[in-house]
Amino acid sequence: MTFRGRTGRLTCSLLLCGAALLGTAQAGWPKARQALAAWDYDTALFQLRPLAAAGDAEALFEMGYITEQVYEDLAR
Protein backbone atom coordinates (compact mmCIF):
# COMPACT_ATOMS: atom_id res chain seq x y z
CA MET A 1 0.00 0.00 0.00
CA THR A 2 1.45 3.35 -0.95
CA PHE A 3 0.35 6.80 0.08
CA ARG A 4 1.02 9.39 -2.58
CA GLY A 5 0.02 12.98 -2.81
CA ARG A 6 -1.87 15.16 -0.42
CA THR A 7 -4.79 12.76 0.05
CA GLY A 8 -2.47 9.85 0.71
CA ARG A 9 -0.51 11.76 3.34
CA LEU A 10 -3.74 12.80 5.05
CA THR A 11 -4.99 9.21 5.04
CA CYS A 12 -1.72 7.96 6.48
CA SER A 13 -1.78 10.66 9.20
CA LEU A 14 -5.34 9.78 10.19
CA LEU A 15 -4.50 6.08 10.39
CA LEU A 16 -1.48 6.74 12.60
CA CYS A 17 -3.42 9.09 14.89
CA GLY A 18 -6.24 6.57 15.19
CA ALA A 19 -3.82 3.80 16.10
CA ALA A 20 -2.16 6.01 18.72
CA LEU A 21 -5.51 6.93 20.28
CA LEU A 22 -6.64 3.32 20.34
CA GLY A 23 -3.45 2.28 22.11
CA THR A 24 -3.85 5.08 24.65
CA ALA A 25 -7.49 4.22 25.28
CA GLN A 26 -6.71 0.56 25.93
CA ALA A 27 -4.03 1.44 28.46
CA GLY A 28 -6.54 1.95 31.30
CA TRP A 29 -8.23 -1.45 31.05
CA PRO A 30 -5.90 -3.49 33.31
CA LYS A 31 -6.29 -1.05 36.22
CA ALA A 32 -10.03 -0.75 35.58
CA ARG A 33 -10.46 -4.53 35.68
CA GLN A 34 -8.44 -4.78 38.91
CA ALA A 35 -10.58 -2.08 40.49
CA LEU A 36 -13.81 -3.76 39.37
CA ALA A 37 -12.64 -7.09 40.80
CA ALA A 38 -11.93 -5.37 44.12
CA TRP A 39 -15.27 -3.48 44.00
CA ASP A 40 -13.30 -0.21 44.06
CA TYR A 41 -15.82 1.80 42.10
CA ASP A 42 -14.05 5.16 42.48
CA THR A 43 -10.86 3.89 40.85
CA ALA A 44 -12.80 1.92 38.25
CA LEU A 45 -14.75 5.00 37.18
CA PHE A 46 -11.56 7.05 37.09
CA GLN A 47 -9.98 4.49 34.73
CA LEU A 48 -13.13 3.89 32.66
CA ARG A 49 -14.06 7.52 32.00
CA PRO A 50 -11.36 8.16 29.33
CA LEU A 51 -12.09 4.80 27.72
CA ALA A 52 -15.78 5.62 27.51
CA ALA A 53 -15.01 9.08 26.14
CA ALA A 54 -13.00 7.41 23.39
CA GLY A 55 -16.10 5.37 22.48
CA ASP A 56 -15.29 2.05 24.14
CA ALA A 57 -18.67 0.29 24.42
CA GLU A 58 -17.51 -2.08 27.15
CA ALA A 59 -16.33 0.86 29.27
CA LEU A 60 -19.70 2.56 28.80
CA PHE A 61 -21.47 -0.64 29.87
CA GLU A 62 -19.28 -1.00 32.97
CA MET A 63 -19.91 2.62 33.96
CA GLY A 64 -23.66 2.02 33.65
CA TYR A 65 -23.38 -1.13 35.73
CA ILE A 66 -21.46 0.71 38.46
CA THR A 67 -24.05 3.49 38.48
CA GLU A 68 -26.86 0.95 38.83
CA GLN A 69 -25.09 -0.81 41.71
CA VAL A 70 -24.47 2.45 43.57
CA TYR A 71 -28.12 3.52 43.26
CA GLU A 72 -29.31 0.09 44.43
CA ASP A 73 -27.02 0.33 47.46
CA LEU A 74 -28.31 3.83 48.25
CA ALA A 75 -31.94 2.68 47.98
CA ARG A 76 -31.46 0.01 50.69
PDB file of N, CA and C in Angstrom:
ATOM      1  N   MET A   1       0.850  -1.160   0.000  1.00  0.00           N
ATOM      2  CA  MET A   1       0.000   0.000   0.000  1.00  0.00           C
ATOM      3  C   MET A   1       0.899   1.228   0.000  1.00  0.00           C
ATOM      4  N   THR A   2       0.651   2.122  -0.893  1.00  0.00           N
ATOM      5  CA  THR A   2       1.448   3.350  -0.953  1.00  0.00           C
ATOM      6  C   THR A   2       0.537   4.546  -0.756  1.00  0.00           C
ATOM      7  N   PHE A   3       1.089   5.561  -0.143  1.00  0.00           N
ATOM      8  CA  PHE A   3       0.346   6.796   0.082  1.00  0.00           C
ATOM      9  C   PHE A   3       1.057   7.906  -0.683  1.00  0.00           C
ATOM     10  N   ARG A   4       0.423   8.346  -1.757  1.00  0.00           N
ATOM     11  CA  ARG A   4       1.016   9.391  -2.582  1.00  0.00           C
ATOM     12  C   ARG A   4       0.133  10.613  -2.589  1.00  0.00           C
ATOM     13  N   GLY A   5       0.764  11.737  -2.702  1.00  0.00           N
ATOM     14  CA  GLY A   5       0.024  12.983  -2.814  1.00  0.00           C
ATOM     15  C   GLY A   5      -0.561  13.436  -1.488  1.00  0.00           C
ATOM     16  N   ARG A   6      -1.295  14.528  -1.601  1.00  0.00           N
ATOM     17  CA  ARG A   6      -1.871  15.156  -0.416  1.00  0.00           C
ATOM     18  C   ARG A   6      -2.900  14.254   0.267  1.00  0.00           C
ATOM     19  N   THR A   7      -3.762  13.637  -0.506  1.00  0.00           N
ATOM     20  CA  THR A   7      -4.786  12.756   0.053  1.00  0.00           C
ATOM     21  C   THR A   7      -4.158  11.547   0.725  1.00  0.00           C
ATOM     22  N   GLY A   8      -3.142  10.998   0.131  1.00  0.00           N
ATOM     23  CA  GLY A   8      -2.469   9.847   0.707  1.00  0.00           C
ATOM     24  C   GLY A   8      -1.792  10.175   2.021  1.00  0.00           C
ATOM     25  N   ARG A   9      -1.163  11.346   2.091  1.00  0.00           N
ATOM     26  CA  ARG A   9      -0.511  11.759   3.340  1.00  0.00           C
ATOM     27  C   ARG A   9      -1.547  11.992   4.441  1.00  0.00           C
ATOM     28  N   LEU A  10      -2.678  12.574   4.071  1.00  0.00           N
ATOM     29  CA  LEU A  10      -3.740  12.800   5.046  1.00  0.00           C
ATOM     30  C   LEU A  10      -4.291  11.471   5.558  1.00  0.00           C
ATOM     31  N   THR A  11      -4.498  10.537   4.651  1.00  0.00           N
ATOM     32  CA  THR A  11      -4.995   9.209   5.042  1.00  0.00           C
ATOM     33  C   THR A  11      -4.014   8.529   5.982  1.00  0.00           C
ATOM     34  N   CYS A  12      -2.747   8.582   5.651  1.00  0.00           N
ATOM     35  CA  CYS A  12      -1.723   7.962   6.484  1.00  0.00           C
ATOM     36  C   CYS A  12      -1.681   8.620   7.867  1.00  0.00           C
ATOM     37  N   SER A  13      -1.782   9.939   7.917  1.00  0.00           N
ATOM     38  CA  SER A  13      -1.776  10.655   9.198  1.00  0.00           C
ATOM     39  C   SER A  13      -2.968  10.266  10.048  1.00  0.00           C
ATOM     40  N   LEU A  14      -4.146  10.166   9.440  1.00  0.00           N
ATOM     41  CA  LEU A  14      -5.337   9.782  10.187  1.00  0.00           C
ATOM     42  C   LEU A  14      -5.226   8.362  10.721  1.00  0.00           C
ATOM     43  N   LEU A  15      -4.670   7.460   9.930  1.00  0.00           N
ATOM     44  CA  LEU A  15      -4.497   6.084  10.388  1.00  0.00           C
ATOM     45  C   LEU A  15      -3.535   6.013  11.572  1.00  0.00           C
ATOM     46  N   LEU A  16      -2.450   6.744  11.509  1.00  0.00           N
ATOM     47  CA  LEU A  16      -1.479   6.742  12.603  1.00  0.00           C
ATOM     48  C   LEU A  16      -2.055   7.363  13.865  1.00  0.00           C
ATOM     49  N   CYS A  17      -2.801   8.453  13.726  1.00  0.00           N
ATOM     50  CA  CYS A  17      -3.421   9.088  14.894  1.00  0.00           C
ATOM     51  C   CYS A  17      -4.464   8.160  15.508  1.00  0.00           C
ATOM     52  N   GLY A  18      -5.233   7.500  14.691  1.00  0.00           N
ATOM     53  CA  GLY A  18      -6.239   6.567  15.194  1.00  0.00           C
ATOM     54  C   GLY A  18      -5.599   5.425  15.952  1.00  0.00           C
ATOM     55  N   ALA A  19      -4.516   4.897  15.429  1.00  0.00           N
ATOM     56  CA  ALA A  19      -3.818   3.803  16.105  1.00  0.00           C
ATOM     57  C   ALA A  19      -3.242   4.270  17.442  1.00  0.00           C
ATOM     58  N   ALA A  20      -2.716   5.478  17.479  1.00  0.00           N
ATOM     59  CA  ALA A  20      -2.160   6.013  18.723  1.00  0.00           C
ATOM     60  C   ALA A  20      -3.256   6.211  19.762  1.00  0.00           C
ATOM     61  N   LEU A  21      -4.403   6.731  19.342  1.00  0.00           N
ATOM     62  CA  LEU A  21      -5.511   6.933  20.277  1.00  0.00           C
ATOM     63  C   LEU A  21      -6.051   5.609  20.790  1.00  0.00           C
ATOM     64  N   LEU A  22      -6.138   4.625  19.925  1.00  0.00           N
ATOM     65  CA  LEU A  22      -6.636   3.318  20.342  1.00  0.00           C
ATOM     66  C   LEU A  22      -5.699   2.700  21.375  1.00  0.00           C
ATOM     67  N   GLY A  23      -4.418   2.807  21.155  1.00  0.00           N
ATOM     68  CA  GLY A  23      -3.449   2.278  22.115  1.00  0.00           C
ATOM     69  C   GLY A  23      -3.538   2.990  23.450  1.00  0.00           C
ATOM     70  N   THR A  24      -3.722   4.302  23.423  1.00  0.00           N
ATOM     71  CA  THR A  24      -3.847   5.077  24.650  1.00  0.00           C
ATOM     72  C   THR A  24      -5.120   4.714  25.394  1.00  0.00           C
ATOM     73  N   ALA A  25      -6.210   4.542  24.647  1.00  0.00           N
ATOM     74  CA  ALA A  25      -7.487   4.223  25.279  1.00  0.00           C
ATOM     75  C   ALA A  25      -7.451   2.852  25.945  1.00  0.00           C
ATOM     76  N   GLN A  26      -6.765   1.908  25.358  1.00  0.00           N
ATOM     77  CA  GLN A  26      -6.713   0.562  25.925  1.00  0.00           C
ATOM     78  C   GLN A  26      -5.815   0.476  27.148  1.00  0.00           C
ATOM     79  N   ALA A  27      -5.002   1.495  27.363  1.00  0.00           N
ATOM     80  CA  ALA A  27      -4.030   1.442  28.457  1.00  0.00           C
ATOM     81  C   ALA A  27      -4.688   1.380  29.832  1.00  0.00           C
ATOM     82  N   GLY A  28      -5.902   1.920  29.996  1.00  0.00           N
ATOM     83  CA  GLY A  28      -6.535   1.946  31.302  1.00  0.00           C
ATOM     84  C   GLY A  28      -7.271   0.679  31.691  1.00  0.00           C
ATOM     85  N   TRP A  29      -7.442  -0.257  30.763  1.00  0.00           N
ATOM     86  CA  TRP A  29      -8.234  -1.450  31.053  1.00  0.00           C
ATOM     87  C   TRP A  29      -7.663  -2.341  32.157  1.00  0.00           C
ATOM     88  N   PRO A  30      -6.379  -2.614  32.221  1.00  0.00           N
ATOM     89  CA  PRO A  30      -5.896  -3.486  33.309  1.00  0.00           C
ATOM     90  C   PRO A  30      -6.211  -2.936  34.704  1.00  0.00           C
ATOM     91  N   LYS A  31      -5.996  -1.652  34.912  1.00  0.00           N
ATOM     92  CA  LYS A  31      -6.293  -1.055  36.221  1.00  0.00           C
ATOM     93  C   LYS A  31      -7.794  -1.015  36.471  1.00  0.00           C
ATOM     94  N   ALA A  32      -8.573  -0.771  35.429  1.00  0.00           N
ATOM     95  CA  ALA A  32     -10.029  -0.749  35.584  1.00  0.00           C
ATOM     96  C   ALA A  32     -10.542  -2.129  35.980  1.00  0.00           C
ATOM     97  N   ARG A  33     -10.023  -3.175  35.349  1.00  0.00           N
ATOM     98  CA  ARG A  33     -10.457  -4.533  35.681  1.00  0.00           C
ATOM     99  C   ARG A  33     -10.067  -4.919  37.110  1.00  0.00           C
ATOM    100  N   GLN A  34      -8.870  -4.513  37.527  1.00  0.00           N
ATOM    101  CA  GLN A  34      -8.443  -4.781  38.910  1.00  0.00           C
ATOM    102  C   GLN A  34      -9.371  -4.078  39.897  1.00  0.00           C
ATOM    103  N   ALA A  35      -9.703  -2.837  39.599  1.00  0.00           N
ATOM    104  CA  ALA A  35     -10.582  -2.078  40.490  1.00  0.00           C
ATOM    105  C   ALA A  35     -11.978  -2.691  40.536  1.00  0.00           C
ATOM    106  N   LEU A  36     -12.490  -3.124  39.390  1.00  0.00           N
ATOM    107  CA  LEU A  36     -13.805  -3.764  39.370  1.00  0.00           C
ATOM    108  C   LEU A  36     -13.806  -5.055  40.173  1.00  0.00           C
ATOM    109  N   ALA A  37     -12.743  -5.825  40.054  1.00  0.00           N
ATOM    110  CA  ALA A  37     -12.644  -7.087  40.798  1.00  0.00           C
ATOM    111  C   ALA A  37     -12.605  -6.842  42.303  1.00  0.00           C
ATOM    112  N   ALA A  38     -12.026  -5.708  42.701  1.00  0.00           N
ATOM    113  CA  ALA A  38     -11.928  -5.369  44.125  1.00  0.00           C
ATOM    114  C   ALA A  38     -13.121  -4.530  44.599  1.00  0.00           C
ATOM    115  N   TRP A  39     -14.091  -4.303  43.727  1.00  0.00           N
ATOM    116  CA  TRP A  39     -15.272  -3.476  44.002  1.00  0.00           C
ATOM    117  C   TRP A  39     -14.883  -2.053  44.379  1.00  0.00           C
ATOM    118  N   ASP A  40     -13.775  -1.581  43.842  1.00  0.00           N
ATOM    119  CA  ASP A  40     -13.299  -0.210  44.062  1.00  0.00           C
ATOM    120  C   ASP A  40     -13.872   0.656  42.944  1.00  0.00           C
ATOM    121  N   TYR A  41     -15.118   1.097  43.160  1.00  0.00           N
ATOM    122  CA  TYR A  41     -15.824   1.803  42.096  1.00  0.00           C
ATOM    123  C   TYR A  41     -15.224   3.164  41.768  1.00  0.00           C
ATOM    124  N   ASP A  42     -14.659   3.858  42.748  1.00  0.00           N
ATOM    125  CA  ASP A  42     -14.050   5.161  42.478  1.00  0.00           C
ATOM    126  C   ASP A  42     -12.896   5.031  41.486  1.00  0.00           C
ATOM    127  N   THR A  43     -11.999   4.095  41.746  1.00  0.00           N
ATOM    128  CA  THR A  43     -10.859   3.886  40.851  1.00  0.00           C
ATOM    129  C   THR A  43     -11.322   3.369  39.502  1.00  0.00           C
ATOM    130  N   ALA A  44     -12.298   2.466  39.511  1.00  0.00           N
ATOM    131  CA  ALA A  44     -12.799   1.918  38.254  1.00  0.00           C
ATOM    132  C   ALA A  44     -13.372   3.024  37.376  1.00  0.00           C
ATOM    133  N   LEU A  45     -14.180   3.893  37.968  1.00  0.00           N
ATOM    134  CA  LEU A  45     -14.753   5.002  37.185  1.00  0.00           C
ATOM    135  C   LEU A  45     -13.668   5.937  36.676  1.00  0.00           C
ATOM    136  N   PHE A  46     -12.664   6.189  37.506  1.00  0.00           N
ATOM    137  CA  PHE A  46     -11.556   7.052  37.085  1.00  0.00           C
ATOM    138  C   PHE A  46     -10.843   6.464  35.865  1.00  0.00           C
ATOM    139  N   GLN A  47     -10.664   5.149  35.851  1.00  0.00           N
ATOM    140  CA  GLN A  47      -9.984   4.485  34.734  1.00  0.00           C
ATOM    141  C   GLN A  47     -10.910   4.331  33.522  1.00  0.00           C
ATOM    142  N   LEU A  48     -12.187   4.131  33.757  1.00  0.00           N
ATOM    143  CA  LEU A  48     -13.133   3.886  32.665  1.00  0.00           C
ATOM    144  C   LEU A  48     -13.557   5.158  31.929  1.00  0.00           C
ATOM    145  N   ARG A  49     -13.558   6.283  32.611  1.00  0.00           N
ATOM    146  CA  ARG A  49     -14.055   7.520  32.000  1.00  0.00           C
ATOM    147  C   ARG A  49     -13.346   7.863  30.688  1.00  0.00           C
ATOM    148  N   PRO A  50     -12.005   7.850  30.620  1.00  0.00           N
ATOM    149  CA  PRO A  50     -11.359   8.162  29.332  1.00  0.00           C
ATOM    150  C   PRO A  50     -11.639   7.101  28.265  1.00  0.00           C
ATOM    151  N   LEU A  51     -11.775   5.859  28.681  1.00  0.00           N
ATOM    152  CA  LEU A  51     -12.086   4.802  27.721  1.00  0.00           C
ATOM    153  C   LEU A  51     -13.470   5.021  27.128  1.00  0.00           C
ATOM    154  N   ALA A  52     -14.425   5.358  27.979  1.00  0.00           N
ATOM    155  CA  ALA A  52     -15.783   5.621  27.509  1.00  0.00           C
ATOM    156  C   ALA A  52     -15.823   6.852  26.614  1.00  0.00           C
ATOM    157  N   ALA A  53     -15.058   7.867  26.962  1.00  0.00           N
ATOM    158  CA  ALA A  53     -15.013   9.082  26.139  1.00  0.00           C
ATOM    159  C   ALA A  53     -14.443   8.800  24.754  1.00  0.00           C
ATOM    160  N   ALA A  54     -13.578   7.791  24.679  1.00  0.00           N
ATOM    161  CA  ALA A  54     -13.002   7.406  23.388  1.00  0.00           C
ATOM    162  C   ALA A  54     -13.944   6.500  22.596  1.00  0.00           C
ATOM    163  N   GLY A  55     -15.103   6.156  23.189  1.00  0.00           N
ATOM    164  CA  GLY A  55     -16.097   5.367  22.479  1.00  0.00           C
ATOM    165  C   GLY A  55     -16.053   3.882  22.750  1.00  0.00           C
ATOM    166  N   ASP A  56     -15.371   3.466  23.798  1.00  0.00           N
ATOM    167  CA  ASP A  56     -15.285   2.046  24.139  1.00  0.00           C
ATOM    168  C   ASP A  56     -16.618   1.591  24.729  1.00  0.00           C
ATOM    169  N   ALA A  57     -17.338   0.734  24.000  1.00  0.00           N
ATOM    170  CA  ALA A  57     -18.670   0.293  24.418  1.00  0.00           C
ATOM    171  C   ALA A  57     -18.629  -0.493  25.721  1.00  0.00           C
ATOM    172  N   GLU A  58     -17.606  -1.297  25.915  1.00  0.00           N
ATOM    173  CA  GLU A  58     -17.511  -2.077  27.150  1.00  0.00           C
ATOM    174  C   GLU A  58     -17.318  -1.158  28.357  1.00  0.00           C
ATOM    175  N   ALA A  59     -16.530  -0.103  28.186  1.00  0.00           N
ATOM    176  CA  ALA A  59     -16.329   0.858  29.274  1.00  0.00           C
ATOM    177  C   ALA A  59     -17.638   1.573  29.600  1.00  0.00           C
ATOM    178  N   LEU A  60     -18.401   1.933  28.576  1.00  0.00           N
ATOM    179  CA  LEU A  60     -19.703   2.564  28.803  1.00  0.00           C
ATOM    180  C   LEU A  60     -20.636   1.623  29.568  1.00  0.00           C
ATOM    181  N   PHE A  61     -20.638   0.354  29.187  1.00  0.00           N
ATOM    182  CA  PHE A  61     -21.467  -0.636  29.874  1.00  0.00           C
ATOM    183  C   PHE A  61     -21.070  -0.749  31.342  1.00  0.00           C
ATOM    184  N   GLU A  62     -19.761  -0.863  31.594  1.00  0.00           N
ATOM    185  CA  GLU A  62     -19.281  -1.004  32.972  1.00  0.00           C
ATOM    186  C   GLU A  62     -19.640   0.222  33.810  1.00  0.00           C
ATOM    187  N   MET A  63     -19.541   1.411  33.225  1.00  0.00           N
ATOM    188  CA  MET A  63     -19.911   2.624  33.957  1.00  0.00           C
ATOM    189  C   MET A  63     -21.404   2.602  34.301  1.00  0.00           C
ATOM    190  N   GLY A  64     -22.229   2.141  33.375  1.00  0.00           N
ATOM    191  CA  GLY A  64     -23.658   2.020  33.648  1.00  0.00           C
ATOM    192  C   GLY A  64     -23.942   1.009  34.738  1.00  0.00           C
ATOM    193  N   TYR A  65     -23.225  -0.095  34.708  1.00  0.00           N
ATOM    194  CA  TYR A  65     -23.383  -1.130  35.732  1.00  0.00           C
ATOM    195  C   TYR A  65     -23.012  -0.586  37.109  1.00  0.00           C
ATOM    196  N   ILE A  66     -21.901   0.122  37.184  1.00  0.00           N
ATOM    197  CA  ILE A  66     -21.462   0.707  38.461  1.00  0.00           C
ATOM    198  C   ILE A  66     -22.515   1.683  38.967  1.00  0.00           C
ATOM    199  N   THR A  67     -23.028   2.520  38.090  1.00  0.00           N
ATOM    200  CA  THR A  67     -24.048   3.488  38.485  1.00  0.00           C
ATOM    201  C   THR A  67     -25.282   2.786  39.031  1.00  0.00           C
ATOM    202  N   GLU A  68     -25.709   1.718  38.366  1.00  0.00           N
ATOM    203  CA  GLU A  68     -26.861   0.954  38.829  1.00  0.00           C
ATOM    204  C   GLU A  68     -26.602   0.356  40.217  1.00  0.00           C
ATOM    205  N   GLN A  69     -25.418  -0.203  40.420  1.00  0.00           N
ATOM    206  CA  GLN A  69     -25.087  -0.814  41.712  1.00  0.00           C
ATOM    207  C   GLN A  69     -25.079   0.225  42.825  1.00  0.00           C
ATOM    208  N   VAL A  70     -24.532   1.401  42.549  1.00  0.00           N
ATOM    209  CA  VAL A  70     -24.469   2.455  43.566  1.00  0.00           C
ATOM    210  C   VAL A  70     -25.881   2.895  43.934  1.00  0.00           C
ATOM    211  N   TYR A  71     -26.754   3.102  42.950  1.00  0.00           N
ATOM    212  CA  TYR A  71     -28.123   3.521  43.257  1.00  0.00           C
ATOM    213  C   TYR A  71     -28.889   2.433  44.013  1.00  0.00           C
ATOM    214  N   GLU A  72     -28.652   1.171  43.684  1.00  0.00           N
ATOM    215  CA  GLU A  72     -29.307   0.086  44.426  1.00  0.00           C
ATOM    216  C   GLU A  72     -28.841   0.088  45.879  1.00  0.00           C
ATOM    217  N   ASP A  73     -27.547   0.292  46.096  1.00  0.00           N
ATOM    218  CA  ASP A  73     -27.015   0.326  47.458  1.00  0.00           C
ATOM    219  C   ASP A  73     -27.589   1.514  48.245  1.00  0.00           C
ATOM    220  N   LEU A  74     -27.772   2.647  47.579  1.00  0.00           N
ATOM    221  CA  LEU A  74     -28.313   3.826  48.245  1.00  0.00           C
ATOM    222  C   LEU A  74     -29.792   3.652  48.576  1.00  0.00           C
ATOM    223  N   ALA A  75     -30.503   2.873  47.768  1.00  0.00           N
ATOM    224  CA  ALA A  75     -31.935   2.680  47.982  1.00  0.00           C
ATOM    225  C   ALA A  75     -32.218   1.751  49.164  1.00  0.00           C
ATOM    226  N   ARG A  76     -31.251   0.963  49.569  1.00  0.00           N
ATOM    227  CA  ARG A  76     -31.463   0.012  50.689  1.00  0.00           C
ATOM    228  C   ARG A  76     -31.420   0.679  52.006  1.00  0.00           C
TER     229      ARG A  76
END
